[in-house]
Protein backbone atom coordinates (compact mmCIF):
# COMPACT_ATOMS: atom_id res chain seq x y z
CA MET A 1 110.27 -33.71 -29.51
CA LYS A 2 109.90 -33.13 -33.25
CA LYS A 3 113.59 -32.16 -33.48
CA LEU A 4 114.59 -35.36 -31.65
CA PHE A 5 112.43 -37.44 -33.97
CA ALA A 6 113.88 -35.71 -37.05
CA LEU A 7 117.39 -36.31 -35.73
CA MET A 8 116.70 -39.99 -35.08
CA LEU A 9 115.22 -40.37 -38.55
CA ALA A 10 118.27 -38.71 -40.12
CA LEU A 11 120.64 -40.98 -38.21
CA CYS A 12 118.61 -44.05 -39.16
CA LEU A 13 118.92 -43.02 -42.78
CA MET A 14 122.67 -42.85 -42.31
CA CYS A 15 122.68 -46.44 -41.09
CA SER A 16 120.47 -47.66 -43.90
CA CYS A 17 122.33 -45.43 -46.37
CA CYS A 18 120.91 -43.59 -49.32
CA ALA A 19 123.36 -43.21 -52.19
CA PHE A 20 127.04 -42.56 -52.67
CA ALA A 21 127.21 -38.82 -52.06
CA GLU A 22 129.57 -36.12 -53.25
CA GLU A 23 129.62 -34.48 -49.82
CA ALA A 24 129.82 -36.50 -46.63
CA LYS A 25 126.98 -36.21 -44.13
CA GLU A 26 128.16 -35.29 -40.66
CA PHE A 27 126.92 -36.77 -37.39
CA ASN A 28 127.97 -35.72 -33.90
CA TRP A 29 127.55 -37.06 -30.37
CA GLU A 30 125.72 -33.87 -29.39
CA GLU A 31 123.00 -34.81 -31.89
CA VAL A 32 122.30 -38.21 -30.29
CA GLU A 33 123.28 -37.61 -26.68
CA ALA A 34 119.64 -37.07 -25.66
CA ILE A 35 118.81 -40.59 -26.90
CA SER A 36 121.37 -42.01 -24.45
CA THR A 37 119.06 -41.08 -21.55
CA LEU A 38 116.58 -43.61 -22.96
CA HIS A 39 119.19 -46.39 -23.10
CA GLU A 40 121.43 -46.53 -20.03
CA GLY A 41 124.95 -47.51 -20.90
CA SER A 42 128.53 -46.30 -21.08
CA PHE A 43 131.31 -45.51 -23.50
CA GLN A 44 133.51 -48.50 -24.25
CA ALA A 45 136.76 -48.78 -26.16
CA ILE A 46 136.57 -50.54 -29.51
CA ALA A 47 139.60 -52.73 -28.74
CA ASP A 48 142.91 -51.04 -29.64
CA THR A 49 141.48 -48.95 -32.49
CA GLY A 50 141.65 -45.62 -30.65
CA LEU A 51 137.87 -45.25 -30.91
CA ILE A 52 135.12 -45.47 -28.31
CA MET A 53 131.39 -46.09 -28.68
CA TYR A 54 128.38 -45.74 -26.39
CA VAL A 55 127.03 -49.23 -25.65
CA PRO A 56 123.66 -49.68 -23.91
CA ASP A 57 123.80 -51.89 -20.81
CA SER A 58 121.41 -54.36 -22.46
CA PHE A 59 124.25 -55.54 -24.73
CA VAL A 60 126.63 -58.22 -23.50
CA ALA A 61 129.64 -59.89 -25.09
CA ALA A 62 128.88 -63.07 -27.02
CA ASP A 63 131.18 -65.81 -28.23
CA LEU A 64 132.55 -65.53 -31.75
CA THR A 65 132.48 -68.54 -34.05
CA GLU A 66 135.73 -69.74 -35.61
CA GLU A 67 134.44 -68.51 -38.98
CA MET A 68 133.82 -65.03 -37.57
CA ILE A 69 137.32 -64.91 -36.10
CA ALA A 70 138.82 -66.05 -39.41
CA GLN A 71 137.01 -63.17 -41.13
CA GLY A 72 138.66 -60.67 -38.77
CA ASN A 73 135.87 -60.16 -36.23
CA PHE A 74 137.15 -59.33 -32.78
CA PHE A 75 133.94 -58.72 -30.83
CA LEU A 76 130.27 -59.52 -30.90
CA LEU A 77 127.65 -57.95 -28.67
CA LYS A 78 124.05 -59.15 -28.32
CA ASP A 79 121.00 -58.20 -26.31
CA ASP A 80 117.82 -60.06 -25.33
CA ASN A 81 116.10 -58.99 -28.58
CA ASN A 82 118.87 -60.65 -30.62
CA TYR A 83 120.15 -57.23 -31.70
CA ARG A 84 123.77 -57.70 -32.69
CA VAL A 85 126.84 -55.50 -33.07
CA SER A 86 130.09 -56.90 -34.38
CA ALA A 87 133.45 -55.39 -35.19
CA MET A 88 135.88 -56.51 -37.86
CA LEU A 89 139.37 -55.20 -38.51
CA GLN A 90 140.79 -55.93 -41.95
CA SER A 91 144.26 -55.24 -43.28
CA LEU A 92 143.98 -54.10 -46.87
CA GLY A 93 147.53 -55.19 -47.65
CA ASN A 94 148.25 -53.92 -51.15
CA MET A 95 144.64 -52.93 -51.79
CA THR A 96 143.57 -49.31 -51.90
CA LEU A 97 140.46 -47.89 -50.27
CA SER A 98 138.84 -47.85 -53.74
CA ASP A 99 139.62 -51.57 -54.06
CA PHE A 100 137.92 -52.15 -50.68
CA VAL A 101 134.81 -50.30 -51.88
CA ALA A 102 134.76 -52.31 -55.11
CA GLU A 103 135.15 -55.53 -53.11
CA GLN A 104 132.20 -54.63 -50.88
CA LEU A 105 130.03 -53.82 -53.89
CA LYS A 106 131.00 -57.12 -55.52
CA ALA A 107 130.02 -58.92 -52.29
CA GLY A 108 126.55 -57.37 -52.47
CA ALA A 109 126.89 -54.14 -50.49
CA ASN A 110 124.49 -51.40 -51.46
CA GLU A 111 123.41 -47.96 -50.36
CA MET A 112 127.04 -46.82 -49.96
CA GLU A 113 127.47 -43.32 -48.61
CA GLU A 114 130.37 -41.24 -47.37
CA VAL A 115 129.77 -39.90 -43.87
CA ALA A 116 131.70 -38.30 -41.03
CA VAL A 117 131.07 -39.35 -37.45
CA ASN A 118 132.32 -36.85 -34.88
CA GLY A 119 134.76 -35.57 -37.50
CA ILE A 120 136.05 -39.04 -38.46
CA PRO A 121 135.57 -39.90 -42.15
CA ALA A 122 133.69 -43.15 -42.70
CA MET A 123 131.57 -45.02 -45.18
CA SER A 124 128.19 -46.53 -44.47
CA PHE A 125 126.62 -49.34 -46.46
CA GLU A 126 124.34 -52.31 -46.00
CA PHE A 127 124.00 -55.95 -46.95
CA GLU A 128 120.91 -58.09 -47.04
CA VAL A 129 121.25 -61.70 -45.91
CA ASN A 130 118.17 -63.97 -45.84
CA GLY A 131 115.86 -60.95 -45.68
CA GLU A 132 117.77 -59.35 -42.81
CA LYS A 133 119.52 -56.03 -43.39
CA ILE A 134 122.95 -55.56 -41.89
CA GLY A 135 123.95 -51.93 -41.53
CA CYS A 136 127.69 -51.27 -41.63
CA ILE A 137 129.96 -48.33 -40.98
CA ALA A 138 133.62 -48.55 -41.96
CA PHE A 139 136.53 -46.39 -40.82
CA TYR A 140 139.72 -46.36 -42.88
CA ASN A 141 143.09 -45.98 -41.15
CA ASP A 142 145.65 -44.78 -43.71
CA THR A 143 148.52 -45.18 -41.22
CA ASP A 144 148.38 -48.98 -41.33
CA ASN A 145 146.01 -49.44 -44.33
CA THR A 146 143.27 -51.12 -42.30
CA VAL A 147 139.49 -50.82 -42.23
CA LEU A 148 137.44 -51.12 -39.04
CA THR A 149 133.88 -52.18 -39.89
CA LEU A 150 131.09 -52.16 -37.34
CA SER A 151 128.00 -54.15 -38.34
CA PHE A 152 124.52 -53.82 -36.84
CA ALA A 153 121.80 -56.44 -37.38
CA PRO A 154 118.93 -56.60 -37.93
CA ALA A 155 119.07 -53.06 -39.31
CA ASN A 156 115.54 -53.40 -40.72
CA ASP A 157 114.07 -53.75 -37.19
CA GLU A 158 112.45 -50.37 -36.49
CA ALA A 159 112.92 -50.65 -32.72
CA TYR A 160 116.66 -51.27 -33.19
CA GLN A 161 117.18 -48.30 -35.52
CA GLU A 162 117.15 -45.82 -32.64
CA ILE A 163 119.85 -47.82 -30.84
CA ILE A 164 121.90 -48.07 -34.04
CA ALA A 165 121.65 -44.30 -34.47
CA LEU A 166 122.78 -43.82 -30.87
CA MET A 167 125.72 -46.20 -31.14
CA VAL A 168 126.93 -44.97 -34.53
CA GLY A 169 126.52 -41.31 -33.57
CA SER A 170 128.58 -41.88 -30.43
CA ILE A 171 131.70 -43.25 -32.14
CA GLN A 172 134.59 -40.92 -31.46
CA ALA A 173 138.30 -40.80 -30.80
CA ALA A 174 139.31 -41.99 -27.33
CA GLU A 175 140.97 -39.28 -25.29
């Protein structure tokens, strides 16, 4: 039980980020798989990104606002506790990944950290909006110069942190 708690704490720290690190932290499905028994669900494709994620059954699709769609969001999931997960796909156009990082920092992102989720390089960071933390994990695709960003809110809700750890730790390439 202590190992499970330590693992959940480590994964929560990944979602809330610590500092931009020289060496990426690594997280694997095997490390969070035990948590999935506490939250029945299934793996679902993240649209046409080639990635899948474990989604607890308590989450259902919600309607996106026009503003969210204009920003590049393509799905929003909610549960009865108002826990939210959204996905945004952005084309960087002529921007580099470094430009993307600088843009996020300029927009107020903090706690940026390089991570690897099931061997896939990513970056985690957070925003604070009206006292609510939004935990984000971004995956860069160098083939088409796009960034897939998954956002989890409210990331400062202790009960939701276990679910965030589960969902983030489950992200992997679809087979």
